[in-house]
Amino acid sequence: MPTYDPLINSSPQSQPLANSYWASTQALPAKQDPLMGKQQTDVAIIGGGYTGLLTAYYLAHEFNIDCQVLEANQVGFGASARNAGFVLKGSGRLGYAAMAKRWDLATTKAIYGEFSQAVTRVESLIYQHGIDCEPQEKGYLKVAHNPKALQQLKAASDFIQQHLIQPPERDKPTDLAQHAQFISAADFRRDYLNHHQAFGALRLSDGFGLNPLKLLLGYKSMVERQGISICESSCVLDWIEENGQHRLLTEQGELSAKKVIVAANGYTPKQFNQRIDEKFLPILSNIIVTEPLSADELQAAGLFSHQVTMDTRILKYYFRLLPDNRLLFGGRGAVWGKDAAEPIYAQRLKLAMDKCFPALASKKVAYNWTGWIAASMDDMPHVVEKNGVGYSLGYCGAGVSFSAQAAYRLAQSIAGDTPTEIANLPLYQNPLPRMPFAKARRIGQWGYYHYGWLKDRFG
């Protein structure tokens, strides 16, 4: 079956699960029953990924609001089970200095605080609920791929240290440096990764890796313990708004709700609701995972750390050593969904990995899969609820952490309990901007990929 493409196909229902490494580590439970007949709830949540499940959890647990989750396929189908498992402080592509220029320093500090809370929130949920999702050592490494990028990382490090880190961390210079630590190329290759294309790195202290599918199923168990219904195989085929009420129609049922949250992110079909149609770009991400590496192979390749890593290219590569000493390596996939399974994309990733770590050239790829992420026009996520309809879109590949904060803020908004200073942040106040020439989004993406390739290679 061809890969589901949100800009081509009208519905993501009846799609196969990803043949991912994560699926080999965790069997999915039996499917929950689909929505049957006519039912009613206060809040209907469309999408059973991180955002949808946690929004349901917070609505019930924090605010005692009745809700129900509709999942088109099975919990474990979408991006929440396909991603690389990077818990990062940040979301979208907009840097903090750029935020300060777009808005002001106070707004940037508040957004930095939201991103920081997102990481802490995921950690708290893991330990509070005993989710066995294999969290790894702390640290997020941003690798400079050329000398110019090295200077940009240094500037980013200086900006974070000078403007964003708050007391009590600022009271101790050693703590300050650890929160945004600049690492020379020699030190990076000796102590972290012998990356043959690294010119230095910036280490942020609070990122970490985990098993994203196990995290997702942990969230599902939390929701089920709250007595919330999760209807699987319940793709929303029509959405009717009338007299302040919402009717969501599936193949076998109809759910009426006072309010609706859309939490499908990159898997949202192109024609779904006027609030989000033509306002995001679904992008295919591709991930490969090697065979397990022996101790000698790890030493020869110079893989000394399990910290999550991403480079500074426009078309970024991201990677980390997994608990069983396989190397996960990801990057951009095909432009069109119909081409997702073409071998060339995994081959390109393997070639890029071999250039970074030449000692791995003979290692085989054991797993290869793809998944959709969503980007917004202004390079930042939008978590908006207005007049009873909310959505969270535009994580741009960093949704493992920020989805938790987004879900909490969506639940607060539905309950009318959002602090004013939070509600006024651009993340939560501004709706998604429309994509210009939306019908030609993929052509523009194709052109941007070519520009990015040239810029990364020669710029």
Protein backbone atom coordinates (compact mmCIF):
# COMPACT_ATOMS: atom_id res chain seq x y z
CA MET A 1 0.00 0.00 0.00
CA PRO A 2 1.39 3.47 -0.91
CA THR A 3 2.38 5.70 1.99
CA TYR A 4 -0.42 7.97 3.21
CA ASP A 5 0.20 11.51 2.00
CA PRO A 6 -1.75 14.25 3.83
CA LEU A 7 -1.71 16.50 0.75
CA ILE A 8 -2.95 13.76 -1.57
CA ASN A 9 -5.15 11.31 0.35
CA SER A 10 -8.44 12.34 1.91
CA SER A 11 -8.12 10.05 4.93
CA PRO A 12 -5.39 8.24 6.91
CA GLN A 13 -7.64 5.32 7.88
CA SER A 14 -6.77 1.65 7.29
CA GLN A 15 -3.06 2.34 6.93
CA PRO A 16 -0.36 -0.18 7.99
CA LEU A 17 1.77 0.47 11.04
CA ALA A 18 5.39 1.47 10.54
CA ASN A 19 7.96 -1.32 10.39
CA SER A 20 10.11 0.64 12.81
CA TYR A 21 12.78 -0.33 15.29
CA TRP A 22 10.40 0.76 18.06
CA ALA A 23 7.76 -1.71 16.89
CA SER A 24 10.31 -4.50 17.33
CA THR A 25 10.78 -3.54 21.00
CA GLN A 26 7.12 -3.27 22.03
CA ALA A 27 4.03 -5.16 20.88
CA LEU A 28 0.89 -3.07 20.55
CA PRO A 29 -2.10 -4.04 22.69
CA ALA A 30 -5.32 -5.24 21.06
CA LYS A 31 -7.26 -2.50 19.31
CA GLN A 32 -9.93 -0.65 21.23
CA ASP A 33 -13.45 -0.76 19.78
CA PRO A 34 -14.34 1.87 17.18
CA LEU A 35 -16.94 4.56 17.76
CA MET A 36 -20.36 2.94 17.36
CA GLY A 37 -23.73 4.65 17.01
CA LYS A 38 -24.48 8.13 18.32
CA GLN A 39 -22.50 9.28 21.35
CA GLN A 40 -21.96 12.56 23.15
CA THR A 41 -19.13 14.18 25.10
CA ASP A 42 -18.07 17.62 26.28
CA VAL A 43 -14.74 17.62 24.39
CA ALA A 44 -13.92 15.47 21.36
CA ILE A 45 -10.21 14.96 20.68
CA ILE A 46 -9.14 13.97 17.17
CA GLY A 47 -5.86 12.05 17.21
CA GLY A 48 -4.44 9.47 19.60
CA GLY A 49 -0.82 10.61 19.67
CA TYR A 50 1.07 12.46 22.41
CA THR A 51 -0.94 15.68 22.12
CA GLY A 52 -4.35 14.06 21.94
CA LEU A 53 -3.79 11.59 24.75
CA LEU A 54 -2.24 14.13 27.11
CA THR A 55 -4.93 16.72 26.39
CA ALA A 56 -7.49 14.10 27.36
CA TYR A 57 -5.51 13.21 30.48
CA TYR A 58 -5.23 16.83 31.65
CA LEU A 59 -8.87 17.61 30.88
CA ALA A 60 -10.00 14.71 33.04
CA HIS A 61 -7.33 14.72 35.75
CA GLU A 62 -6.86 18.48 36.27
CA PHE A 63 -10.30 19.85 35.37
CA ASN A 64 -12.75 16.93 35.60
CA ILE A 65 -14.00 17.59 32.08
CA ASP A 66 -15.63 14.76 30.11
CA CYS A 67 -13.79 13.94 26.88
CA GLN A 68 -13.33 11.22 24.28
CA VAL A 69 -10.46 10.41 21.88
CA LEU A 70 -10.95 9.40 18.25
CA GLU A 71 -7.98 7.70 16.58
CA ALA A 72 -8.13 7.02 12.84
CA ASN A 73 -6.06 3.83 13.04
CA GLN A 74 -4.46 2.55 16.26
CA VAL A 75 -2.54 4.32 18.99
CA GLY A 76 0.98 3.67 17.76
CA PHE A 77 0.33 4.48 14.09
CA GLY A 78 1.30 8.12 13.69
CA ALA A 79 4.28 10.38 14.32
CA SER A 80 4.30 9.69 18.08
CA ALA A 81 5.44 6.13 17.37
CA ARG A 82 7.70 6.91 14.39
CA ASN A 83 9.93 9.71 15.65
CA ALA A 84 13.52 9.44 16.86
CA GLY A 85 12.65 9.80 20.54
CA PHE A 86 14.42 13.14 21.09
CA VAL A 87 13.16 15.11 24.11
CA LEU A 88 14.44 18.61 23.31
CA LYS A 89 14.01 22.09 24.71
CA GLY A 90 12.55 23.84 21.70
CA SER A 91 10.16 23.43 18.81
CA GLY A 92 9.97 24.76 15.30
CA ARG A 93 13.01 26.24 13.52
CA LEU A 94 13.08 29.75 14.97
CA GLY A 95 16.13 30.49 17.15
CA TYR A 96 15.94 32.49 20.37
CA ALA A 97 17.86 35.50 19.04
CA ALA A 98 15.49 35.58 16.05
CA MET A 99 12.54 35.46 18.45
CA ALA A 100 13.92 38.45 20.34
CA LYS A 101 14.14 40.40 17.06
CA ARG A 102 10.64 39.34 15.98
CA TRP A 103 9.05 40.19 19.33
CA ASP A 104 11.10 41.24 22.37
CA LEU A 105 13.36 39.73 25.03
CA ALA A 106 10.58 39.31 27.61
CA THR A 107 8.50 37.29 25.14
CA THR A 108 11.54 35.21 24.21
CA LYS A 109 12.26 34.46 27.87
CA ALA A 110 8.68 33.33 28.36
CA ILE A 111 8.82 31.04 25.32
CA TYR A 112 12.16 29.64 26.53
CA GLY A 113 10.40 28.96 29.82
CA GLU A 114 7.61 27.08 28.04
CA PHE A 115 10.12 24.95 26.14
CA SER A 116 12.03 24.26 29.35
CA GLN A 117 8.84 23.30 31.18
CA ALA A 118 7.99 20.91 28.33
CA VAL A 119 11.11 18.83 28.98
CA THR A 120 10.49 18.86 32.73
CA ARG A 121 6.85 17.89 32.16
CA VAL A 122 7.79 14.83 30.10
CA GLU A 123 10.30 13.78 32.76
CA SER A 124 7.72 14.21 35.50
CA LEU A 125 5.11 12.16 33.64
CA ILE A 126 7.62 9.36 33.07
CA TYR A 127 8.61 9.08 36.72
CA GLN A 128 5.23 9.89 38.26
CA HIS A 129 3.49 7.18 36.23
CA GLY A 130 6.34 4.69 36.07
CA ILE A 131 6.55 4.68 32.26
CA ASP A 132 9.30 2.28 31.21
CA CYS A 133 10.43 4.13 28.08
CA GLU A 134 14.22 3.78 28.46
CA PRO A 135 15.28 7.42 29.08
CA GLN A 136 18.98 7.88 28.34
CA GLU A 137 21.71 10.15 29.64
CA LYS A 138 21.04 13.88 29.64
CA GLY A 139 22.45 16.20 26.99
CA TYR A 140 21.50 17.62 23.60
CA LEU A 141 24.46 18.13 21.25
CA LYS A 142 24.18 20.60 18.36
CA VAL A 143 27.06 19.93 15.95
CA ALA A 144 28.52 22.64 13.71
CA HIS A 145 28.92 21.28 10.18
CA ASN A 146 31.21 24.13 9.01
CA PRO A 147 33.19 27.06 10.49
CA LYS A 148 30.38 29.57 9.90
CA ALA A 149 27.93 27.35 11.76
CA LEU A 150 30.44 27.11 14.60
CA GLN A 151 30.34 30.89 15.04
CA GLN A 152 26.55 30.84 14.93
CA LEU A 153 26.52 28.18 17.66
CA LYS A 154 28.88 30.27 19.75
CA ALA A 155 26.56 33.25 19.35
CA ALA A 156 23.59 31.07 20.31
CA SER A 157 25.44 29.84 23.40
CA ASP A 158 26.29 33.42 24.43
CA PHE A 159 22.69 34.58 23.90
CA ILE A 160 21.25 31.78 26.03
CA GLN A 161 23.76 32.33 28.82
CA GLN A 162 23.42 36.12 28.86
CA HIS A 163 19.68 36.53 28.37
CA LEU A 164 17.66 33.38 28.99
CA ILE A 165 19.06 31.38 31.90
CA GLN A 166 17.37 32.48 35.11
CA PRO A 167 18.39 32.39 38.79
CA PRO A 168 19.51 30.30 40.60
CA GLU A 169 21.51 28.93 37.65
CA ARG A 170 23.00 32.36 36.93
CA ASP A 171 24.48 32.51 40.45
CA LYS A 172 27.06 29.84 39.66
CA PRO A 173 29.27 30.34 36.58
CA THR A 174 29.94 26.61 36.34
CA ASP A 175 26.21 25.87 36.28
CA LEU A 176 25.70 28.64 33.73
CA ALA A 177 28.23 27.11 31.35
CA GLN A 178 26.76 23.64 31.76
CA HIS A 179 23.32 24.84 30.66
CA ALA A 180 24.71 26.01 27.29
CA GLN A 181 28.21 24.60 26.97
CA PHE A 182 30.39 25.40 23.96
CA ILE A 183 32.61 22.43 22.98
CA SER A 184 35.65 22.62 20.69
CA ALA A 185 36.05 20.17 17.81
CA ALA A 186 38.93 18.35 19.52
CA ASP A 187 37.09 17.99 22.82
CA PHE A 188 33.94 16.88 21.05
CA ARG A 189 35.71 14.14 19.12
CA ARG A 190 37.58 12.96 22.20
CA ASP A 191 34.78 13.01 24.77
CA TYR A 192 31.52 12.64 22.83
CA LEU A 193 31.57 11.55 19.19
CA ASN A 194 34.45 11.20 16.73
CA HIS A 195 32.28 12.90 14.12
CA HIS A 196 34.43 13.45 11.02
CA GLN A 197 32.43 16.47 9.88
CA ALA A 198 32.20 18.25 13.24
CA PHE A 199 33.76 21.69 13.72
CA GLY A 200 32.59 21.97 17.33
CA ALA A 201 29.33 21.73 19.22
CA LEU A 202 26.92 23.36 21.65
CA ARG A 203 25.66 21.15 24.47
CA LEU A 204 22.35 21.94 26.14
CA SER A 205 22.03 20.14 29.44
CA ASP A 206 18.45 18.94 29.60
CA GLY A 207 17.67 17.02 26.40
CA PHE A 208 17.56 13.21 26.35
CA GLY A 209 16.51 10.22 24.28
CA LEU A 210 13.83 7.62 24.95
CA ASN A 211 11.69 4.95 23.29
CA PRO A 212 8.84 7.00 21.79
CA LEU A 213 6.43 4.10 21.34
CA LYS A 214 6.79 3.00 24.97
CA LEU A 215 6.24 6.60 26.05
CA LEU A 216 3.09 6.77 23.91
CA LEU A 217 1.67 3.55 25.35
CA GLY A 218 2.46 4.85 28.82
CA TYR A 219 0.36 7.92 28.06
CA LYS A 220 -2.40 5.66 26.75
CA SER A 221 -2.45 3.75 30.04
CA MET A 222 -2.69 7.06 31.95
CA VAL A 223 -5.73 8.05 29.88
CA GLU A 224 -7.40 4.68 30.32
CA ARG A 225 -6.92 4.85 34.10
CA GLN A 226 -8.89 8.11 34.02
CA GLY A 227 -11.81 6.20 32.49
CA ILE A 228 -11.57 8.07 29.18
CA SER A 229 -12.81 6.29 26.06
CA ILE A 230 -10.26 5.88 23.25
CA CYS A 231 -12.01 4.82 20.04
CA GLU A 232 -9.57 3.31 17.55
CA SER A 233 -10.30 2.70 13.85
CA SER A 234 -12.49 5.81 14.12
CA CYS A 235 -11.36 8.19 11.40
CA VAL A 236 -13.34 11.44 11.26
CA LEU A 237 -14.81 11.52 7.75
CA ASP A 238 -17.02 14.58 8.20
CA TRP A 239 -17.21 17.45 10.68
CA ILE A 240 -20.49 19.35 10.91
CA GLU A 241 -20.79 22.52 13.00
CA GLU A 242 -24.30 23.68 13.82
CA ASN A 243 -25.84 25.73 16.60
CA GLY A 244 -22.64 25.74 18.67
CA GLN A 245 -22.41 21.95 18.55
CA HIS A 246 -19.96 19.74 16.66
CA ARG A 247 -20.90 16.45 15.00
CA LEU A 248 -17.95 14.21 14.09
CA LEU A 249 -18.93 11.39 11.73
CA THR A 250 -16.95 8.16 11.38
CA GLU A 251 -17.66 5.00 9.39
CA GLN A 252 -19.73 3.44 12.16
CA GLY A 253 -20.66 6.26 14.48
CA GLU A 254 -21.22 9.90 15.30
CA LEU A 255 -19.78 11.84 18.22
CA SER A 256 -21.45 15.09 19.28
CA ALA A 257 -19.37 17.50 21.33
CA LYS A 258 -19.47 21.02 22.71
CA LYS A 259 -15.80 21.50 21.91
CA VAL A 260 -13.19 19.86 19.63
CA ILE A 261 -9.42 19.56 19.77
CA VAL A 262 -7.51 18.62 16.57
CA ALA A 263 -4.33 16.77 17.53
CA ALA A 264 -3.30 14.96 14.34
CA ASN A 265 -0.39 17.33 13.50
CA GLY A 266 1.38 16.18 10.29
CA TYR A 267 -1.19 13.42 9.68
CA THR A 268 -4.10 15.87 9.32
CA PRO A 269 -5.69 15.55 5.83
CA LYS A 270 -5.38 18.57 3.54
CA GLN A 271 -9.14 19.29 3.63
CA PHE A 272 -10.28 18.86 7.21
CA ASN A 273 -11.33 22.13 8.83
CA GLN A 274 -11.12 25.72 7.61
CA ARG A 275 -9.13 26.71 10.70
CA ILE A 276 -6.11 24.67 9.63
CA ASP A 277 -6.57 23.83 5.94
CA GLU A 278 -3.67 25.11 3.79
CA LYS A 279 -1.81 26.33 6.90
CA PHE A 280 0.87 23.69 7.38
CA LEU A 281 3.33 21.63 5.37
CA PRO A 282 3.61 17.88 6.03
CA ILE A 283 7.25 16.79 5.66
CA LEU A 284 8.52 13.22 5.43
CA SER A 285 11.25 12.30 7.88
CA ASN A 286 13.29 9.14 7.26
CA ILE A 287 15.10 7.11 9.94
CA ILE A 288 17.52 4.21 9.70
CA VAL A 289 18.85 2.04 12.53
CA THR A 290 21.96 -0.13 12.24
CA GLU A 291 22.69 -3.60 13.48
CA PRO A 292 24.00 -3.66 17.09
CA LEU A 293 27.59 -2.47 17.46
CA SER A 294 30.15 -4.36 19.49
CA ALA A 295 32.37 -2.66 22.06
CA ASP A 296 35.24 -2.71 19.58
CA GLU A 297 33.05 -1.21 16.84
CA LEU A 298 31.88 1.54 19.18
CA GLN A 299 35.48 2.37 20.01
CA ALA A 300 36.58 2.31 16.37
CA ALA A 301 33.68 4.56 15.33
CA GLY A 302 34.26 6.94 18.22
CA LEU A 303 30.75 6.63 19.67
CA PHE A 304 31.36 7.57 23.30
CA SER A 305 27.98 9.07 24.20
CA HIS A 306 24.29 8.20 24.17
CA GLN A 307 23.27 11.87 24.14
CA VAL A 308 20.89 13.06 21.43
CA THR A 309 22.64 14.87 18.58
CA MET A 310 21.63 17.09 15.67
CA ASP A 311 23.75 19.04 13.20
CA THR A 312 23.35 22.62 11.98
CA ARG A 313 22.55 21.91 8.32
CA ILE A 314 19.43 23.37 6.76
CA LEU A 315 18.55 19.77 5.88
CA LYS A 316 19.52 18.45 9.27
CA TYR A 317 20.77 15.02 10.27
CA TYR A 318 20.02 13.74 13.76
CA PHE A 319 21.34 10.66 15.52
CA ARG A 320 21.90 8.87 18.80
CA LEU A 321 23.23 5.63 20.15
CA LEU A 322 20.37 3.44 21.37
CA PRO A 323 20.41 1.39 24.60
CA ASP A 324 21.31 -1.79 22.70
CA ASN A 325 24.19 0.04 20.94
CA ARG A 326 22.55 0.42 17.55
CA LEU A 327 23.02 3.80 15.89
CA LEU A 328 19.85 5.65 14.91
CA PHE A 329 20.38 8.15 12.08
CA GLY A 330 17.65 10.32 10.59
CA GLY A 331 17.02 13.13 8.13
CA ARG A 332 14.67 14.29 5.40
CA GLY A 333 12.89 11.71 3.28
CA ALA A 334 11.07 11.97 -0.03
CA VAL A 335 9.09 15.08 -0.98
CA TRP A 336 6.00 13.13 -2.06
CA GLY A 337 4.48 10.27 -0.06
CA LYS A 338 4.31 8.03 -3.13
CA ASP A 339 8.12 7.97 -3.18
CA ALA A 340 8.62 7.32 0.56
CA ALA A 341 9.62 3.67 0.16
CA GLU A 342 12.11 4.27 -2.67
CA PRO A 343 15.48 2.77 -1.56
CA ILE A 344 17.45 5.87 -2.57
CA TYR A 345 16.38 7.81 0.54
CA ALA A 346 17.65 5.23 3.02
CA GLN A 347 20.79 4.86 0.91
CA ARG A 348 21.43 8.60 1.13
CA LEU A 349 21.06 8.47 4.91
CA LYS A 350 23.49 5.56 5.13
CA LEU A 351 25.99 7.45 2.96
CA ALA A 352 25.67 10.52 5.21
CA MET A 353 26.13 8.36 8.31
CA ASP A 354 29.25 6.76 6.83
CA LYS A 355 30.74 10.19 6.13
CA CYS A 356 30.21 11.16 9.76
CA PHE A 357 31.47 7.81 11.11
CA PRO A 358 33.59 6.06 8.44
CA ALA A 359 34.22 3.03 10.65
CA LEU A 360 30.54 2.09 10.24
CA ALA A 361 30.66 1.78 6.46
CA SER A 362 30.43 -2.00 6.59
CA LYS A 363 27.54 -2.10 9.07
CA LYS A 364 24.15 -3.01 7.67
CA VAL A 365 20.91 -1.11 8.13
CA ALA A 366 18.46 -3.25 10.10
CA TYR A 367 15.46 -0.87 10.12
CA ASN A 368 14.24 1.88 7.81
CA TRP A 369 10.96 3.78 8.12
CA THR A 370 9.33 7.15 7.46
CA GLY A 371 6.84 9.44 9.16
CA TRP A 372 5.20 12.82 8.69
CA ILE A 373 6.06 15.92 10.70
CA ALA A 374 4.39 19.32 10.28
CA ALA A 375 5.97 22.72 9.67
CA SER A 376 4.28 26.10 9.87
CA MET A 377 4.93 29.09 7.63
CA ASP A 378 6.54 31.09 10.45
CA ASP A 379 8.75 28.26 11.73
CA MET A 380 7.05 27.89 15.12
CA PRO A 381 4.28 25.79 16.67
CA HIS A 382 0.80 27.19 17.19
CA VAL A 383 -1.35 25.95 20.07
CA VAL A 384 -4.65 27.77 19.73
CA GLU A 385 -8.15 27.38 21.16
CA LYS A 386 -10.92 29.77 20.22
CA ASN A 387 -14.69 29.48 20.45
CA GLY A 388 -14.52 25.84 21.43
CA VAL A 389 -12.16 24.57 18.71
CA GLY A 390 -8.46 24.05 19.41
CA TYR A 391 -5.45 22.64 17.63
CA SER A 392 -1.73 22.14 18.04
CA LEU A 393 0.33 22.16 14.86
CA GLY A 394 3.86 22.86 13.65
CA TYR A 395 6.18 21.01 16.03
CA CYS A 396 8.58 20.63 13.09
CA GLY A 397 10.01 17.38 14.45
CA ALA A 398 10.44 18.49 18.08
CA GLY A 399 7.06 17.40 19.38
CA VAL A 400 8.09 14.65 21.81
CA SER A 401 8.58 17.25 24.54
CA PHE A 402 6.53 20.27 23.46
CA SER A 403 3.42 18.16 22.83
CA ALA A 404 3.20 17.67 26.60
CA GLN A 405 3.23 21.42 27.26
CA ALA A 406 0.87 22.05 24.35
CA ALA A 407 -1.59 19.50 25.71
CA TYR A 408 -1.52 21.10 29.15
CA ARG A 409 -2.11 24.56 27.69
CA LEU A 410 -4.95 23.28 25.47
CA ALA A 411 -6.64 21.70 28.49
CA GLN A 412 -6.22 24.95 30.44
CA SER A 413 -7.73 26.94 27.57
CA ILE A 414 -10.72 24.61 27.25
CA ALA A 415 -11.27 24.94 31.01
CA GLY A 416 -10.85 28.74 30.90
CA ASP A 417 -7.89 28.54 33.26
CA THR A 418 -4.94 29.85 31.22
CA PRO A 419 -2.84 32.54 32.97
CA THR A 420 -3.08 35.82 31.04
CA GLU A 421 0.68 36.13 30.54
CA ILE A 422 0.73 32.66 28.96
CA ALA A 423 -2.37 33.18 26.83
CA ASN A 424 -0.78 36.29 25.30
CA LEU A 425 2.35 34.50 24.06
CA PRO A 426 2.58 34.17 20.24
CA LEU A 427 2.63 30.37 20.62
CA TYR A 428 -0.86 30.41 22.09
CA GLN A 429 -2.41 33.62 20.80
CA ASN A 430 -1.63 33.69 17.08
CA PRO A 431 -3.47 31.29 14.74
CA LEU A 432 -1.54 29.45 12.06
CA PRO A 433 -0.69 31.74 9.13
CA ARG A 434 -1.84 30.56 5.72
CA MET A 435 0.77 29.05 3.41
CA PRO A 436 1.21 31.25 0.31
CA PHE A 437 0.49 29.40 -2.94
CA ALA A 438 -0.72 26.50 -0.80
CA LYS A 439 -1.63 24.35 -3.81
CA ALA A 440 2.04 24.40 -4.82
CA ARG A 441 3.47 23.61 -1.37
CA ARG A 442 5.26 20.50 -2.55
CA ILE A 443 6.86 22.28 -5.50
CA GLY A 444 8.14 24.91 -3.11
CA GLN A 445 9.41 22.19 -0.78
CA TRP A 446 11.23 20.51 -3.67
CA GLY A 447 12.91 23.80 -4.53
CA TYR A 448 13.83 24.48 -0.92
CA TYR A 449 15.45 21.05 -0.59
CA HIS A 450 17.68 21.83 -3.57
CA TYR A 451 18.54 25.23 -2.13
CA GLY A 452 19.28 23.63 1.26
CA TRP A 453 21.52 20.99 -0.29
CA LEU A 454 23.58 23.66 -2.08
CA LYS A 455 23.72 25.90 0.99
CA ASP A 456 24.77 23.03 3.27
CA ARG A 457 27.47 21.94 0.87
CA PHE A 458 28.91 25.25 -0.26
CA GLY A 459 27.58 27.89 2.16
